[in-house]
Amino acid sequence: MERLCGALFGARRRAATIGRMKDLTDIQAARFAELARPYLAHPAVQRMGRFVQHGNVTTLAHVVRVARCAFGWSQRFRLHVNERDLVAGALLHDFYLYDWHKPHPGTPHHATRHPIYAAENAARIFGADDAVLAIVRTHMWPLPPQRVPTSREALLVSLADKYCSLYETLFLRNVGAQASPAPRQKARP
C-alpha cells in the first residue's frame, strides 16, 4: 500500500505540469500560441468554457490541456507531424457544444457520438480539412473500435486525451480554479 500511495503522490507531483509549457522552449511555446490563437479567440470555442468535462474541469480547459500535451510530446520526441493539424484537431476534438452530463434527446451515447458532433461543428464553423476532421473523429479510439487513428497527429491527440482525462479525473476534481461558472449540484439520496 505504501508503494502504491508513493507512486500516486509522486505521479501527482509530476502530473502538475501536464499541459503546461514548462517542457517547451520559448520558441516552441510561441509556435504553439501562434497555432492555437485563431481557435482560442473564436467565440464558439470560448463557449466550451461553459461546459464541464471531467470533475470540475471545463471542456475549454480540457482541450487546451490536450493540445499542449500532444504538441509537447511531438516536440519532446521529435515526431514529424503537421503541427497546424495537430493543434487544430486537439483544440476541436471535444467541440460538441453541449453539457453531456444532462440528457438530451438528440445526443444519446455521448462517448461514441460526440466526436461526430465535434467534427460537424469543426467543419461548419472553421471549414476544417479532412486531416483535422479525422483527428477529431478518431480521438475516442478504441470507442468505437472501427474509428482508428490513421495519422501520427490523430494517435497523439487520442493518447493525450486519455492521459489528460485521467489526470483531470483523478487530480482536478476539486480544483476551484478550473470550475465551471455553474457547478453541478449533487443528487440527493
N, C-alpha and C. Protein backbone atom coordinates (compact mmCIF):
# COMPACT_ATOMS: atom_id res chain seq x y z
N MET A 1 0.83 -1.20 0.00
CA MET A 1 0.00 0.00 0.00
C MET A 1 0.87 1.26 0.00
N GLU A 2 1.93 1.22 0.80
CA GLU A 2 2.85 2.37 0.85
C GLU A 2 3.41 2.67 -0.53
N ARG A 3 3.76 1.61 -1.21
CA ARG A 3 4.33 1.75 -2.54
C ARG A 3 3.33 2.39 -3.51
N LEU A 4 2.07 1.94 -3.43
CA LEU A 4 1.03 2.47 -4.28
C LEU A 4 0.80 3.95 -3.98
N CYS A 5 0.68 4.30 -2.70
CA CYS A 5 0.47 5.70 -2.32
C CYS A 5 1.65 6.56 -2.76
N GLY A 6 2.85 6.06 -2.58
CA GLY A 6 4.03 6.81 -3.02
C GLY A 6 4.02 7.03 -4.50
N ALA A 7 3.62 5.99 -5.24
CA ALA A 7 3.56 6.12 -6.70
C ALA A 7 2.50 7.13 -7.11
N LEU A 8 1.33 7.09 -6.44
CA LEU A 8 0.27 8.03 -6.76
C LEU A 8 0.64 9.46 -6.43
N PHE A 9 1.20 9.68 -5.24
CA PHE A 9 1.55 11.04 -4.86
C PHE A 9 2.73 11.55 -5.68
N GLY A 10 3.65 10.67 -6.02
CA GLY A 10 4.74 11.06 -6.91
C GLY A 10 4.21 11.41 -8.28
N ALA A 11 3.23 10.63 -8.74
CA ALA A 11 2.61 10.91 -10.03
C ALA A 11 1.88 12.24 -9.98
N ARG A 12 1.29 12.55 -8.83
CA ARG A 12 0.57 13.81 -8.71
C ARG A 12 1.52 15.00 -8.84
N ARG A 13 2.68 14.89 -8.22
CA ARG A 13 3.67 15.98 -8.34
C ARG A 13 4.14 16.10 -9.78
N ARG A 14 4.43 14.97 -10.42
CA ARG A 14 4.88 15.00 -11.81
C ARG A 14 3.77 15.48 -12.72
N ALA A 15 2.54 15.09 -12.40
CA ALA A 15 1.40 15.43 -13.25
C ALA A 15 1.03 16.90 -13.17
N ALA A 16 1.56 17.62 -12.19
CA ALA A 16 1.23 19.04 -12.05
C ALA A 16 1.65 19.83 -13.28
N THR A 17 2.56 19.31 -14.08
CA THR A 17 3.00 20.04 -15.27
C THR A 17 2.30 19.58 -16.54
N ILE A 18 1.35 18.67 -16.43
CA ILE A 18 0.65 18.19 -17.62
C ILE A 18 -0.05 19.36 -18.31
N GLY A 19 0.18 19.49 -19.58
CA GLY A 19 -0.49 20.52 -20.35
C GLY A 19 0.09 21.91 -20.16
N ARG A 20 1.15 22.05 -19.40
CA ARG A 20 1.78 23.35 -19.25
C ARG A 20 2.94 23.45 -20.22
N MET A 21 3.48 24.62 -20.36
CA MET A 21 4.50 24.86 -21.36
C MET A 21 5.92 24.69 -20.81
N LYS A 22 6.08 24.15 -19.61
CA LYS A 22 7.40 24.07 -18.99
C LYS A 22 8.39 23.23 -19.79
N ASP A 23 7.92 22.24 -20.50
CA ASP A 23 8.81 21.38 -21.25
C ASP A 23 9.15 21.96 -22.63
N LEU A 24 8.56 23.08 -22.98
CA LEU A 24 8.80 23.67 -24.28
C LEU A 24 9.77 24.84 -24.17
N THR A 25 10.55 25.01 -25.20
CA THR A 25 11.41 26.19 -25.27
C THR A 25 10.53 27.40 -25.53
N ASP A 26 11.08 28.58 -25.38
CA ASP A 26 10.31 29.79 -25.68
C ASP A 26 9.84 29.81 -27.12
N ILE A 27 10.67 29.34 -28.01
CA ILE A 27 10.30 29.30 -29.44
C ILE A 27 9.15 28.33 -29.67
N GLN A 28 9.22 27.15 -29.04
CA GLN A 28 8.15 26.16 -29.19
C GLN A 28 6.85 26.68 -28.58
N ALA A 29 6.93 27.31 -27.41
CA ALA A 29 5.73 27.85 -26.77
C ALA A 29 5.10 28.95 -27.63
N ALA A 30 5.95 29.78 -28.24
CA ALA A 30 5.44 30.83 -29.13
C ALA A 30 4.77 30.21 -30.36
N ARG A 31 5.34 29.14 -30.87
CA ARG A 31 4.76 28.44 -32.02
C ARG A 31 3.39 27.86 -31.66
N PHE A 32 3.30 27.24 -30.49
CA PHE A 32 2.01 26.69 -30.04
C PHE A 32 0.98 27.82 -29.93
N ALA A 33 1.35 28.93 -29.31
CA ALA A 33 0.42 30.05 -29.14
C ALA A 33 -0.04 30.58 -30.49
N GLU A 34 0.88 30.66 -31.44
CA GLU A 34 0.55 31.14 -32.79
C GLU A 34 -0.47 30.21 -33.47
N LEU A 35 -0.28 28.89 -33.31
CA LEU A 35 -1.19 27.92 -33.92
C LEU A 35 -2.55 27.90 -33.23
N ALA A 36 -2.56 28.08 -31.92
CA ALA A 36 -3.81 27.98 -31.14
C ALA A 36 -4.64 29.26 -31.19
N ARG A 37 -4.00 30.40 -31.37
CA ARG A 37 -4.66 31.70 -31.27
C ARG A 37 -5.94 31.82 -32.09
N PRO A 38 -5.97 31.45 -33.38
CA PRO A 38 -7.21 31.65 -34.15
C PRO A 38 -8.40 30.85 -33.60
N TYR A 39 -8.12 29.72 -33.02
CA TYR A 39 -9.20 28.90 -32.46
C TYR A 39 -9.63 29.44 -31.11
N LEU A 40 -8.67 29.72 -30.25
CA LEU A 40 -9.00 30.17 -28.90
C LEU A 40 -9.67 31.54 -28.89
N ALA A 41 -9.46 32.33 -29.90
CA ALA A 41 -10.09 33.66 -29.98
C ALA A 41 -11.53 33.59 -30.48
N HIS A 42 -11.93 32.47 -31.04
CA HIS A 42 -13.27 32.35 -31.64
C HIS A 42 -14.34 32.19 -30.54
N PRO A 43 -15.44 32.94 -30.63
CA PRO A 43 -16.50 32.85 -29.61
C PRO A 43 -17.08 31.44 -29.44
N ALA A 44 -17.19 30.68 -30.52
CA ALA A 44 -17.75 29.33 -30.41
C ALA A 44 -16.83 28.44 -29.57
N VAL A 45 -15.53 28.59 -29.72
CA VAL A 45 -14.58 27.82 -28.91
C VAL A 45 -14.66 28.29 -27.46
N GLN A 46 -14.79 29.59 -27.25
CA GLN A 46 -14.91 30.12 -25.89
C GLN A 46 -16.16 29.57 -25.19
N ARG A 47 -17.19 29.21 -25.94
CA ARG A 47 -18.40 28.61 -25.34
C ARG A 47 -18.09 27.32 -24.61
N MET A 48 -17.02 26.63 -25.02
CA MET A 48 -16.67 25.38 -24.34
C MET A 48 -16.32 25.62 -22.88
N GLY A 49 -16.00 26.86 -22.53
CA GLY A 49 -15.73 27.20 -21.13
C GLY A 49 -16.96 27.15 -20.25
N ARG A 50 -18.13 27.05 -20.83
CA ARG A 50 -19.39 26.96 -20.06
C ARG A 50 -19.73 25.53 -19.64
N PHE A 51 -19.09 24.55 -20.26
CA PHE A 51 -19.47 23.16 -20.03
C PHE A 51 -18.40 22.43 -19.24
N VAL A 52 -18.84 21.57 -18.32
CA VAL A 52 -17.92 20.77 -17.52
C VAL A 52 -17.56 19.51 -18.28
N GLN A 53 -16.29 19.17 -18.27
CA GLN A 53 -15.81 17.98 -18.97
C GLN A 53 -15.57 16.84 -17.98
N HIS A 54 -14.53 16.96 -17.16
CA HIS A 54 -14.19 15.94 -16.16
C HIS A 54 -14.09 16.60 -14.80
N GLY A 55 -14.85 16.10 -13.83
CA GLY A 55 -14.80 16.70 -12.49
C GLY A 55 -15.27 18.13 -12.56
N ASN A 56 -14.39 19.06 -12.24
CA ASN A 56 -14.70 20.49 -12.33
C ASN A 56 -14.00 21.17 -13.49
N VAL A 57 -13.36 20.41 -14.34
CA VAL A 57 -12.60 20.97 -15.45
C VAL A 57 -13.53 21.27 -16.62
N THR A 58 -13.43 22.48 -17.15
CA THR A 58 -14.29 22.84 -18.29
C THR A 58 -13.78 22.16 -19.56
N THR A 59 -14.64 22.07 -20.53
CA THR A 59 -14.26 21.49 -21.81
C THR A 59 -13.16 22.33 -22.46
N LEU A 60 -13.23 23.64 -22.33
CA LEU A 60 -12.19 24.50 -22.89
C LEU A 60 -10.84 24.23 -22.23
N ALA A 61 -10.81 24.17 -20.91
CA ALA A 61 -9.54 23.88 -20.21
C ALA A 61 -9.02 22.51 -20.62
N HIS A 62 -9.92 21.55 -20.80
CA HIS A 62 -9.52 20.20 -21.20
C HIS A 62 -8.89 20.19 -22.59
N VAL A 63 -9.53 20.83 -23.57
CA VAL A 63 -8.98 20.77 -24.93
C VAL A 63 -7.65 21.52 -25.04
N VAL A 64 -7.51 22.59 -24.28
CA VAL A 64 -6.23 23.31 -24.27
C VAL A 64 -5.15 22.42 -23.66
N ARG A 65 -5.48 21.72 -22.58
CA ARG A 65 -4.52 20.82 -21.95
C ARG A 65 -4.11 19.70 -22.92
N VAL A 66 -5.08 19.13 -23.61
CA VAL A 66 -4.79 18.06 -24.57
C VAL A 66 -3.91 18.59 -25.70
N ALA A 67 -4.23 19.77 -26.20
CA ALA A 67 -3.44 20.35 -27.30
C ALA A 67 -2.00 20.61 -26.86
N ARG A 68 -1.82 21.17 -25.68
CA ARG A 68 -0.47 21.45 -25.18
C ARG A 68 0.30 20.16 -24.96
N CYS A 69 -0.39 19.16 -24.42
CA CYS A 69 0.25 17.87 -24.15
C CYS A 69 0.68 17.21 -25.47
N ALA A 70 -0.22 17.12 -26.43
CA ALA A 70 0.10 16.49 -27.72
C ALA A 70 1.21 17.25 -28.43
N PHE A 71 1.13 18.57 -28.43
CA PHE A 71 2.17 19.39 -29.06
C PHE A 71 3.50 19.19 -28.34
N GLY A 72 3.46 19.18 -27.02
CA GLY A 72 4.69 18.97 -26.23
C GLY A 72 5.33 17.63 -26.52
N TRP A 73 4.52 16.58 -26.61
CA TRP A 73 5.07 15.25 -26.93
C TRP A 73 5.70 15.25 -28.32
N SER A 74 5.04 15.92 -29.26
CA SER A 74 5.59 15.93 -30.62
C SER A 74 6.95 16.62 -30.65
N GLN A 75 7.11 17.64 -29.82
CA GLN A 75 8.38 18.36 -29.76
C GLN A 75 9.42 17.55 -28.98
N ARG A 76 9.01 17.03 -27.85
CA ARG A 76 9.94 16.29 -26.99
C ARG A 76 10.52 15.07 -27.68
N PHE A 77 9.66 14.34 -28.40
CA PHE A 77 10.09 13.11 -29.04
C PHE A 77 10.47 13.32 -30.51
N ARG A 78 10.54 14.59 -30.92
CA ARG A 78 10.94 14.97 -32.28
C ARG A 78 10.17 14.19 -33.35
N LEU A 79 8.86 14.15 -33.16
CA LEU A 79 8.00 13.46 -34.11
C LEU A 79 7.71 14.39 -35.28
N HIS A 80 7.74 13.86 -36.44
CA HIS A 80 7.45 14.66 -37.63
C HIS A 80 5.94 14.67 -37.83
N VAL A 81 5.32 15.77 -37.41
CA VAL A 81 3.87 15.91 -37.52
C VAL A 81 3.54 17.24 -38.19
N ASN A 82 2.32 17.33 -38.67
CA ASN A 82 1.81 18.60 -39.15
C ASN A 82 1.29 19.33 -37.91
N GLU A 83 2.06 20.30 -37.44
CA GLU A 83 1.74 20.99 -36.19
C GLU A 83 0.39 21.70 -36.26
N ARG A 84 0.09 22.29 -37.39
CA ARG A 84 -1.19 23.01 -37.54
C ARG A 84 -2.37 22.06 -37.37
N ASP A 85 -2.31 20.91 -38.04
CA ASP A 85 -3.38 19.91 -37.91
C ASP A 85 -3.45 19.35 -36.50
N LEU A 86 -2.29 19.10 -35.90
CA LEU A 86 -2.24 18.56 -34.54
C LEU A 86 -2.94 19.49 -33.55
N VAL A 87 -2.57 20.75 -33.56
CA VAL A 87 -3.14 21.71 -32.62
C VAL A 87 -4.63 21.95 -32.91
N ALA A 88 -4.97 22.09 -34.18
CA ALA A 88 -6.38 22.29 -34.55
C ALA A 88 -7.22 21.09 -34.12
N GLY A 89 -6.77 19.89 -34.45
CA GLY A 89 -7.51 18.68 -34.08
C GLY A 89 -7.66 18.53 -32.59
N ALA A 90 -6.61 18.85 -31.85
CA ALA A 90 -6.66 18.73 -30.39
C ALA A 90 -7.63 19.76 -29.80
N LEU A 91 -7.57 20.99 -30.29
CA LEU A 91 -8.46 22.02 -29.75
C LEU A 91 -9.92 21.80 -30.12
N LEU A 92 -10.16 21.10 -31.22
CA LEU A 92 -11.54 20.88 -31.68
C LEU A 92 -12.06 19.48 -31.38
N HIS A 93 -11.26 18.64 -30.71
CA HIS A 93 -11.68 17.25 -30.54
C HIS A 93 -12.94 17.09 -29.69
N ASP A 94 -13.24 18.01 -28.80
CA ASP A 94 -14.47 17.97 -28.00
C ASP A 94 -15.35 19.19 -28.27
N PHE A 95 -15.41 19.61 -29.51
CA PHE A 95 -16.12 20.81 -29.92
C PHE A 95 -17.59 20.49 -30.19
N TYR A 96 -18.25 19.80 -29.24
CA TYR A 96 -19.64 19.37 -29.44
C TYR A 96 -20.64 20.37 -28.88
N LEU A 97 -20.24 21.28 -28.01
CA LEU A 97 -21.03 22.42 -27.55
C LEU A 97 -22.36 22.07 -26.86
N TYR A 98 -22.34 21.11 -25.98
CA TYR A 98 -23.48 20.84 -25.11
C TYR A 98 -22.96 20.24 -23.82
N ASP A 99 -23.80 20.25 -22.79
CA ASP A 99 -23.42 19.67 -21.50
C ASP A 99 -23.77 18.19 -21.53
N TRP A 100 -22.76 17.34 -21.64
CA TRP A 100 -23.01 15.92 -21.79
C TRP A 100 -23.52 15.27 -20.50
N HIS A 101 -23.48 15.99 -19.39
CA HIS A 101 -23.99 15.45 -18.13
C HIS A 101 -25.52 15.49 -18.07
N LYS A 102 -26.10 16.37 -18.88
CA LYS A 102 -27.56 16.49 -18.92
C LYS A 102 -28.08 15.71 -20.12
N PRO A 103 -29.06 14.82 -19.90
CA PRO A 103 -29.57 14.04 -21.03
C PRO A 103 -30.29 14.93 -22.05
N HIS A 104 -29.95 14.73 -23.29
CA HIS A 104 -30.59 15.43 -24.40
C HIS A 104 -31.12 14.37 -25.36
N PRO A 105 -32.35 14.53 -25.84
CA PRO A 105 -32.89 13.52 -26.76
C PRO A 105 -32.04 13.33 -28.02
N GLY A 106 -31.43 14.40 -28.52
CA GLY A 106 -30.65 14.29 -29.75
C GLY A 106 -29.21 13.88 -29.54
N THR A 107 -28.78 13.62 -28.30
CA THR A 107 -27.37 13.29 -28.06
C THR A 107 -27.20 12.02 -27.23
N PRO A 108 -27.78 10.90 -27.67
CA PRO A 108 -27.55 9.67 -26.92
C PRO A 108 -26.14 9.14 -27.17
N HIS A 109 -25.67 8.31 -26.29
CA HIS A 109 -24.38 7.64 -26.46
C HIS A 109 -23.25 8.65 -26.66
N HIS A 110 -23.11 9.54 -25.69
CA HIS A 110 -22.13 10.62 -25.80
C HIS A 110 -20.73 10.11 -26.13
N ALA A 111 -20.29 9.05 -25.48
CA ALA A 111 -18.90 8.59 -25.65
C ALA A 111 -18.58 8.26 -27.10
N THR A 112 -19.51 7.69 -27.83
CA THR A 112 -19.23 7.30 -29.21
C THR A 112 -19.71 8.32 -30.23
N ARG A 113 -20.68 9.17 -29.87
CA ARG A 113 -21.25 10.11 -30.84
C ARG A 113 -20.63 11.50 -30.80
N HIS A 114 -20.07 11.93 -29.66
CA HIS A 114 -19.60 13.31 -29.59
C HIS A 114 -18.47 13.64 -30.58
N PRO A 115 -17.63 12.67 -30.97
CA PRO A 115 -16.64 13.03 -31.99
C PRO A 115 -17.28 13.41 -33.32
N ILE A 116 -18.42 12.82 -33.63
CA ILE A 116 -19.12 13.14 -34.87
C ILE A 116 -19.70 14.55 -34.79
N TYR A 117 -20.34 14.88 -33.64
CA TYR A 117 -20.88 16.23 -33.46
C TYR A 117 -19.75 17.26 -33.49
N ALA A 118 -18.63 16.94 -32.85
CA ALA A 118 -17.49 17.87 -32.83
C ALA A 118 -16.94 18.08 -34.25
N ALA A 119 -16.85 17.01 -35.02
CA ALA A 119 -16.35 17.12 -36.40
C ALA A 119 -17.32 17.96 -37.25
N GLU A 120 -18.62 17.76 -37.06
CA GLU A 120 -19.60 18.55 -37.80
C GLU A 120 -19.45 20.04 -37.47
N ASN A 121 -19.28 20.35 -36.19
CA ASN A 121 -19.09 21.75 -35.79
C ASN A 121 -17.79 22.32 -36.34
N ALA A 122 -16.72 21.52 -36.29
CA ALA A 122 -15.42 21.98 -36.80
C ALA A 122 -15.49 22.27 -38.29
N ALA A 123 -16.18 21.42 -39.03
CA ALA A 123 -16.32 21.62 -40.47
C ALA A 123 -17.19 22.85 -40.77
N ARG A 124 -18.28 22.98 -40.05
CA ARG A 124 -19.22 24.07 -40.30
C ARG A 124 -18.64 25.43 -39.89
N ILE A 125 -18.03 25.50 -38.72
CA ILE A 125 -17.58 26.79 -38.18
C ILE A 125 -16.19 27.18 -38.69
N PHE A 126 -15.28 26.20 -38.78
CA PHE A 126 -13.90 26.52 -39.16
C PHE A 126 -13.53 26.03 -40.55
N GLY A 127 -14.40 25.29 -41.21
CA GLY A 127 -14.05 24.74 -42.52
C GLY A 127 -12.87 23.79 -42.41
N ALA A 128 -12.82 23.03 -41.32
CA ALA A 128 -11.69 22.12 -41.07
C ALA A 128 -11.53 21.13 -42.22
N ASP A 129 -10.27 20.83 -42.55
CA ASP A 129 -9.99 19.91 -43.65
C ASP A 129 -10.09 18.46 -43.18
N ASP A 130 -9.93 17.53 -44.11
CA ASP A 130 -10.10 16.10 -43.80
C ASP A 130 -9.12 15.61 -42.74
N ALA A 131 -7.90 16.11 -42.74
CA ALA A 131 -6.90 15.65 -41.76
C ALA A 131 -7.33 16.03 -40.35
N VAL A 132 -7.80 17.26 -40.17
CA VAL A 132 -8.25 17.71 -38.84
C VAL A 132 -9.52 16.95 -38.45
N LEU A 133 -10.44 16.77 -39.38
CA LEU A 133 -11.68 16.05 -39.08
C LEU A 133 -11.39 14.60 -38.69
N ALA A 134 -10.38 13.99 -39.30
CA ALA A 134 -10.01 12.61 -38.94
C ALA A 134 -9.47 12.57 -37.50
N ILE A 135 -8.72 13.56 -37.11
CA ILE A 135 -8.22 13.63 -35.73
C ILE A 135 -9.39 13.71 -34.76
N VAL A 136 -10.33 14.58 -35.06
CA VAL A 136 -11.50 14.78 -34.19
C VAL A 136 -12.33 13.50 -34.12
N ARG A 137 -12.61 12.89 -35.26
CA ARG A 137 -13.48 11.70 -35.30
C ARG A 137 -12.88 10.49 -34.60
N THR A 138 -11.54 10.38 -34.58
CA THR A 138 -10.92 9.15 -34.04
C THR A 138 -10.33 9.33 -32.65
N HIS A 139 -10.52 10.48 -32.03
CA HIS A 139 -9.85 10.71 -30.74
C HIS A 139 -10.35 9.79 -29.62
N MET A 140 -11.52 9.22 -29.75
CA MET A 140 -12.05 8.33 -28.69
C MET A 140 -11.64 6.87 -28.87
N TRP A 141 -10.88 6.56 -29.90
CA TRP A 141 -10.47 5.19 -30.12
C TRP A 141 -9.89 4.60 -28.84
N PRO A 142 -10.28 3.42 -28.44
CA PRO A 142 -10.95 2.34 -29.17
C PRO A 142 -12.47 2.35 -29.12
N LEU A 143 -13.09 3.47 -28.81
CA LEU A 143 -14.55 3.59 -28.86
C LEU A 143 -14.92 4.45 -30.05
N PRO A 144 -15.65 4.01 -30.96
CA PRO A 144 -15.86 2.62 -31.34
C PRO A 144 -14.61 2.06 -32.01
N PRO A 145 -14.48 0.74 -31.99
CA PRO A 145 -13.25 0.13 -32.49
C PRO A 145 -12.98 0.33 -33.98
N GLN A 146 -14.00 0.66 -34.75
CA GLN A 146 -13.78 0.84 -36.20
C GLN A 146 -13.23 2.24 -36.53
N ARG A 147 -13.25 3.20 -35.61
CA ARG A 147 -12.69 4.54 -35.85
C ARG A 147 -11.28 4.60 -35.30
N VAL A 148 -10.33 4.13 -36.08
CA VAL A 148 -8.92 4.00 -35.66
C VAL A 148 -8.12 5.21 -36.16
N PRO A 149 -7.29 5.80 -35.29
CA PRO A 149 -6.43 6.90 -35.75
C PRO A 149 -5.51 6.42 -36.88
N THR A 150 -5.43 7.20 -37.96
CA THR A 150 -4.64 6.78 -39.12
C THR A 150 -3.46 7.70 -39.39
N SER A 151 -3.20 8.62 -38.48
CA SER A 151 -2.05 9.52 -38.65
C SER A 151 -1.35 9.68 -37.30
N ARG A 152 -0.12 10.16 -37.34
CA ARG A 152 0.60 10.44 -36.09
C ARG A 152 -0.16 11.46 -35.26
N GLU A 153 -0.67 12.48 -35.95
CA GLU A 153 -1.40 13.54 -35.25
C GLU A 153 -2.62 12.98 -34.53
N ALA A 154 -3.38 12.14 -35.21
CA ALA A 154 -4.59 11.57 -34.61
C ALA A 154 -4.25 10.66 -33.43
N LEU A 155 -3.19 9.87 -33.57
CA LEU A 155 -2.78 9.00 -32.47
C LEU A 155 -2.30 9.82 -31.27
N LEU A 156 -1.53 10.86 -31.52
CA LEU A 156 -1.05 11.73 -30.43
C LEU A 156 -2.22 12.37 -29.69
N VAL A 157 -3.20 12.88 -30.41
CA VAL A 157 -4.36 13.52 -29.77
C VAL A 157 -5.15 12.49 -28.98
N SER A 158 -5.34 11.30 -29.54
CA SER A 158 -6.07 10.26 -28.83
C SER A 158 -5.37 9.88 -27.53
N LEU A 159 -4.06 9.70 -27.59
CA LEU A 159 -3.31 9.33 -26.38
C LEU A 159 -3.27 10.48 -25.38
N ALA A 160 -3.08 11.71 -25.86
CA ALA A 160 -3.05 12.87 -24.96
C ALA A 160 -4.41 13.06 -24.30
N ASP A 161 -5.49 12.78 -25.02
CA ASP A 161 -6.83 12.89 -24.46
C ASP A 161 -7.02 11.90 -23.32
N LYS A 162 -6.58 10.66 -23.51
CA LYS A 162 -6.70 9.66 -22.43
C LYS A 162 -5.87 10.08 -21.21
N TYR A 163 -4.65 10.51 -21.48
CA TYR A 163 -3.72 10.91 -20.42
C TYR A 163 -4.28 12.10 -19.62
N CYS A 164 -4.72 13.13 -20.32
CA CYS A 164 -5.23 14.32 -19.65
C CYS A 164 -6.56 14.04 -18.95
N SER A 165 -7.41 13.23 -19.56
CA SER A 165 -8.69 12.88 -18.94
C SER A 165 -8.48 12.16 -17.62
N LEU A 166 -7.55 11.24 -17.61
CA LEU A 166 -7.24 10.51 -16.37
C LEU A 166 -6.71 11.47 -15.31
N TYR A 167 -5.80 12.34 -15.69
CA TYR A 167 -5.25 13.33 -14.76
C TYR A 167 -6.35 14.23 -14.20
N GLU A 168 -7.20 14.74 -15.07
CA GLU A 168 -8.27 15.63 -14.63
C GLU A 168 -9.24 14.91 -13.70
N THR A 169 -9.55 13.68 -14.02
CA THR A 169 -10.50 12.91 -13.21
C THR A 169 -9.92 12.58 -11.84
N LEU A 170 -8.65 12.21 -11.79
CA LEU A 170 -8.03 11.81 -10.53
C LEU A 170 -7.57 12.99 -9.68
N PHE A 171 -7.03 14.03 -10.31
CA PHE A 171 -6.35 15.07 -9.54
C PHE A 171 -6.99 16.45 -9.59
N LEU A 172 -7.91 16.70 -10.48
CA LEU A 172 -8.50 18.03 -10.58
C LEU A 172 -9.99 18.06 -10.26
N ARG A 173 -10.49 17.06 -9.60
CA ARG A 173 -11.92 17.00 -9.32
C ARG A 173 -12.38 18.14 -8.43
N ASN A 174 -11.55 18.58 -7.51
CA ASN A 174 -11.96 19.60 -6.55
C ASN A 174 -11.16 20.88 -6.67
N VAL A 175 -10.62 21.14 -7.82
CA VAL A 175 -9.82 22.35 -8.02
C VAL A 175 -10.75 23.48 -8.42
N GLY A 176 -10.90 24.47 -7.56
CA GLY A 176 -11.82 25.57 -7.80
C GLY A 176 -11.45 26.41 -9.00
N ALA A 177 -10.17 26.55 -9.30
CA ALA A 177 -9.74 27.41 -10.40
C ALA A 177 -10.21 26.88 -11.74
N GLN A 178 -10.49 25.59 -11.81
CA GLN A 178 -10.94 25.00 -13.07
C GLN A 178 -12.46 24.87 -13.13
N ALA A 179 -13.15 25.34 -12.10
CA ALA A 179 -14.59 25.12 -12.02
C ALA A 179 -15.33 25.89 -13.10
N SER A 180 -16.45 25.32 -13.51
CA SER A 180 -17.30 25.99 -14.48
C SER A 180 -18.07 27.09 -13.77
N PRO A 181 -18.68 28.04 -14.52
CA PRO A 181 -19.44 29.11 -13.89
C PRO A 181 -20.62 28.61 -13.07
N ALA A 182 -21.22 27.50 -13.47
CA ALA A 182 -22.36 26.95 -12.74
C ALA A 182 -22.08 25.50 -12.42
N PRO A 183 -21.44 25.20 -11.27
CA PRO A 183 -21.12 23.82 -10.94
C PRO A 183 -22.37 22.96 -10.80
N ARG A 184 -22.23 21.69 -11.12
CA ARG A 184 -23.35 20.76 -11.00
C ARG A 184 -23.70 20.57 -9.54
N GLN A 185 -24.98 20.31 -9.27
CA GLN A 185 -25.42 20.02 -7.92
C GLN A 185 -25.42 18.53 -7.72
N LYS A 186 -25.10 18.12 -6.50
CA LYS A 186 -25.13 16.68 -6.19
C LYS A 186 -26.57 16.21 -6.09
N ALA A 187 -26.80 15.00 -6.55
CA ALA A 187 -28.12 14.41 -6.44
C ALA A 187 -28.39 14.03 -5.00
N ARG A 188 -29.63 14.22 -4.57
CA ARG A 188 -29.98 13.85 -3.19
C ARG A 188 -30.27 12.36 -3.13
N PRO A 189 -29.88 11.71 -2.03
CA PRO A 189 -30.12 10.27 -1.92
C PRO A 189 -31.58 9.93 -1.79
